[in-house]
Amino acid sequence: MNQNLKLTYSKSLLKQAALVGLVVLSSSTVFAIPSDRNQPISLLADRATYNEKTGITTYTGNVIIEQGTMKLQADSIVANLNSKREISTITASGRPARFQQQTDVNKGLAKGQAQKIIYNAETGIITLSGSALLEQNNASIRGNTLKYSMNRGDVEATGTPNSTGSSSGRVQIVIPPSASKSFPGARD
């Protein structure tokens, strides 16, 4: 590879790394505390690849992306670009993939984990699948699949049906006593 081609490739990979980092973080900063947006983005991985023809950027090996209170950890992160060279989907996979972020200065860290976390930039839907869990301030929701619509602000939880009545695989919601009054349908 000649020196100019190496320099062009390095700039292209750096540009794509920054783009993926910004999109991952900008999708989560919608709910972040304002100071997070002004923090530098740090992206660490054992390996990063970018394919100009397919528009796929892949980070593998203990991937960690941080900005302010936001932290995303996964075994791998794959970003796909659409025909306009914009991010269409980002998929984080792990055992499990984990994220955390402070969404409000008056609340604790919001944390989530699943075997796979997919962000669809075109629909604004984040899907956590495979032992999915979201928790904040001792409240939690657990299921096989959790879908959160950033556009509508709603969550859909799906479990694995079973006939035994056990909680294994089923949707489980935990509401701490202090928050139960604000839960829809709850009464004193």
Protein backbone atom coordinates (compact mmCIF):
# COMPACT_ATOMS: atom_id res chain seq x y z
CA MET A 1 0.00 0.00 0.00
CA ASN A 2 1.54 3.36 -0.96
CA GLN A 3 1.81 6.18 1.58
CA ASN A 4 -1.07 8.27 0.10
CA LEU A 5 -3.40 5.29 0.06
CA LYS A 6 -2.49 4.47 3.67
CA LEU A 7 -3.16 8.06 4.73
CA THR A 8 -6.50 8.14 2.87
CA TYR A 9 -7.53 4.79 4.40
CA SER A 10 -6.53 5.96 7.88
CA LYS A 11 -8.53 9.19 7.51
CA SER A 12 -11.53 7.23 6.20
CA LEU A 13 -11.42 4.74 9.09
CA LEU A 14 -11.00 7.54 11.61
CA LYS A 15 -13.91 9.43 10.07
CA GLN A 16 -16.13 6.32 10.23
CA ALA A 17 -15.06 5.57 13.80
CA ALA A 18 -16.00 9.08 14.83
CA LEU A 19 -19.29 8.87 12.92
CA VAL A 20 -20.28 5.59 14.57
CA GLY A 21 -19.26 6.86 17.99
CA LEU A 22 -21.27 10.03 17.52
CA VAL A 23 -24.37 8.22 16.30
CA VAL A 24 -24.27 5.66 19.10
CA LEU A 25 -23.89 8.41 21.60
CA SER A 26 -26.25 10.93 20.01
CA SER A 27 -29.01 8.33 20.03
CA SER A 28 -28.52 7.91 23.75
CA THR A 29 -27.88 11.57 24.56
CA VAL A 30 -31.49 12.39 23.77
CA PHE A 31 -32.14 11.16 27.31
CA ALA A 32 -28.82 12.23 28.81
CA ILE A 33 -28.02 14.97 31.25
CA PRO A 34 -27.03 18.10 29.25
CA SER A 35 -23.37 18.02 30.35
CA ASP A 36 -22.84 14.62 28.63
CA ARG A 37 -23.19 16.21 25.18
CA ASN A 38 -20.17 18.43 25.84
CA GLN A 39 -17.87 15.59 26.91
CA PRO A 40 -15.28 13.94 24.64
CA ILE A 41 -16.09 10.57 23.09
CA SER A 42 -13.74 7.69 23.87
CA LEU A 43 -13.88 4.51 21.77
CA LEU A 44 -11.69 1.51 22.62
CA ALA A 45 -11.57 -1.85 20.85
CA ASP A 46 -9.05 -4.56 20.05
CA ARG A 47 -9.83 -4.21 16.34
CA ALA A 48 -11.67 -1.76 14.08
CA THR A 49 -12.48 -2.34 10.41
CA TYR A 50 -14.34 -0.30 7.81
CA ASN A 51 -15.49 -1.52 4.39
CA GLU A 52 -16.00 1.41 2.01
CA LYS A 53 -18.04 -0.70 -0.48
CA THR A 54 -20.51 -2.19 2.02
CA GLY A 55 -20.56 0.74 4.45
CA ILE A 56 -20.04 -1.59 7.40
CA THR A 57 -17.86 -0.58 10.35
CA THR A 58 -17.01 -3.27 12.89
CA TYR A 59 -15.39 -2.96 16.31
CA THR A 60 -14.44 -6.19 18.09
CA GLY A 61 -12.77 -7.25 21.31
CA ASN A 62 -13.92 -5.66 24.55
CA VAL A 63 -15.44 -2.60 22.88
CA ILE A 64 -16.03 0.35 25.20
CA ILE A 65 -17.59 3.64 24.12
CA GLU A 66 -17.90 6.43 26.68
CA GLN A 67 -19.13 10.00 26.75
CA GLY A 68 -19.83 11.64 30.09
CA THR A 69 -22.09 9.30 32.07
CA MET A 70 -22.88 7.17 28.99
CA LYS A 71 -20.96 3.91 28.70
CA LEU A 72 -21.56 1.08 26.21
CA GLN A 73 -19.63 -2.19 26.56
CA ALA A 74 -19.87 -5.09 24.11
CA ASP A 75 -17.87 -7.91 22.59
CA SER A 76 -18.57 -6.36 19.18
CA ILE A 77 -20.34 -3.41 17.62
CA VAL A 78 -21.36 -3.35 13.96
CA ALA A 79 -22.64 -0.20 12.25
CA ASN A 80 -24.37 -0.34 8.85
CA LEU A 81 -24.65 2.67 6.56
CA ASN A 82 -27.54 3.21 4.15
CA SER A 83 -27.22 4.34 0.50
CA LYS A 84 -26.86 7.97 1.68
CA ARG A 85 -23.84 6.91 3.80
CA GLU A 86 -25.78 7.58 7.00
CA ILE A 87 -26.01 5.16 9.93
CA SER A 88 -29.02 2.87 9.48
CA THR A 89 -28.42 0.34 12.28
CA ILE A 90 -25.96 -0.26 15.08
CA THR A 91 -25.77 -3.70 16.69
CA ALA A 92 -23.92 -4.34 19.95
CA SER A 93 -23.43 -8.00 20.91
CA GLY A 94 -22.00 -9.43 24.10
CA ARG A 95 -22.32 -11.85 26.98
CA PRO A 96 -24.09 -9.53 27.76
CA ALA A 97 -23.72 -6.16 26.03
CA ARG A 98 -24.21 -3.44 28.66
CA PHE A 99 -24.96 0.26 28.71
CA GLN A 100 -25.49 2.88 31.35
CA GLN A 101 -26.31 6.57 31.39
CA GLN A 102 -27.62 9.17 33.76
CA THR A 103 -30.81 10.51 32.18
CA ASP A 104 -31.73 12.99 34.91
CA VAL A 105 -29.59 14.73 37.52
CA ASN A 106 -32.16 13.74 40.18
CA LYS A 107 -32.09 10.03 39.31
CA GLY A 108 -29.47 7.31 39.44
CA LEU A 109 -27.84 5.67 36.47
CA ALA A 110 -30.17 3.99 33.99
CA LYS A 111 -28.63 0.61 33.15
CA GLY A 112 -29.46 -1.99 30.55
CA GLN A 113 -28.09 -5.26 29.30
CA ALA A 114 -28.91 -7.97 26.77
CA GLN A 115 -27.17 -10.46 24.54
CA LYS A 116 -27.86 -8.10 21.62
CA ILE A 117 -28.75 -4.40 21.51
CA ILE A 118 -29.89 -3.01 18.15
CA TYR A 119 -30.47 0.67 17.42
CA ASN A 120 -32.42 1.39 14.22
CA ALA A 121 -31.69 5.03 13.32
CA GLU A 122 -34.45 5.10 10.72
CA THR A 123 -37.27 4.03 13.10
CA GLY A 124 -35.77 5.29 16.37
CA ILE A 125 -36.33 1.88 17.99
CA ILE A 126 -33.82 0.30 20.37
CA THR A 127 -34.28 -3.47 20.74
CA LEU A 128 -32.67 -5.44 23.55
CA SER A 129 -32.91 -9.20 23.02
CA GLY A 130 -31.74 -12.23 24.93
CA SER A 131 -32.15 -11.91 28.72
CA ALA A 132 -32.91 -8.19 28.41
CA LEU A 133 -32.94 -6.00 31.52
CA LEU A 134 -33.51 -2.27 32.11
CA GLU A 135 -33.18 -0.78 35.59
CA GLN A 136 -33.03 2.56 37.36
CA ASN A 137 -33.55 3.58 41.00
CA ASN A 138 -34.44 0.03 42.11
CA ALA A 139 -37.16 -0.26 39.43
CA SER A 140 -36.61 -2.78 36.65
CA ILE A 141 -38.16 -4.49 33.68
CA ARG A 142 -36.90 -7.85 32.45
CA GLY A 143 -37.92 -9.97 29.49
CA ASN A 144 -36.63 -11.94 26.57
CA THR A 145 -37.03 -8.86 24.34
CA LEU A 146 -37.48 -5.19 25.23
CA LYS A 147 -38.25 -2.60 22.54
CA TYR A 148 -38.06 1.10 23.25
CA SER A 149 -39.34 3.67 20.75
CA MET A 150 -37.41 6.91 21.06
CA ASN A 151 -40.06 8.63 18.89
CA ARG A 152 -43.12 7.51 20.85
CA GLY A 153 -41.51 7.00 24.25
CA ASP A 154 -43.09 3.59 24.82
CA VAL A 155 -41.63 0.25 25.88
CA GLU A 156 -42.79 -3.18 24.79
CA ALA A 157 -41.63 -6.20 26.79
CA THR A 158 -41.95 -9.77 25.54
CA GLY A 159 -41.26 -12.89 27.54
CA THR A 160 -41.10 -16.56 26.72
CA PRO A 161 -44.48 -18.14 27.50
CA ASN A 162 -44.50 -21.09 29.85
CA SER A 163 -47.28 -23.18 31.33
CA THR A 164 -45.76 -23.66 34.79
CA GLY A 165 -46.51 -20.16 36.07
CA SER A 166 -42.89 -19.67 37.07
CA SER A 167 -41.23 -16.33 36.38
CA SER A 168 -38.52 -17.94 34.26
CA GLY A 169 -38.56 -16.38 30.81
CA ARG A 170 -41.63 -14.24 31.49
CA VAL A 171 -41.79 -10.44 31.64
CA GLN A 172 -41.00 -9.26 35.15
CA ILE A 173 -41.49 -5.68 36.38
CA VAL A 174 -40.26 -4.54 39.79
CA ILE A 175 -41.60 -1.26 41.17
CA PRO A 176 -40.11 0.00 44.44
CA PRO A 177 -42.61 1.26 47.06
CA SER A 178 -41.56 4.88 46.63
CA ALA A 179 -42.36 4.81 42.89
CA SER A 180 -45.56 2.71 42.96
CA LYS A 181 -47.81 5.77 43.32
CA SER A 182 -46.66 7.09 39.97
CA PHE A 183 -47.14 3.73 38.21
CA PRO A 184 -50.22 3.69 35.93
CA GLY A 185 -53.14 1.89 37.58
CA ALA A 186 -51.56 1.75 41.06
CA ARG A 187 -53.69 2.76 44.06
CA ASP A 188 -53.08 3.48 47.70
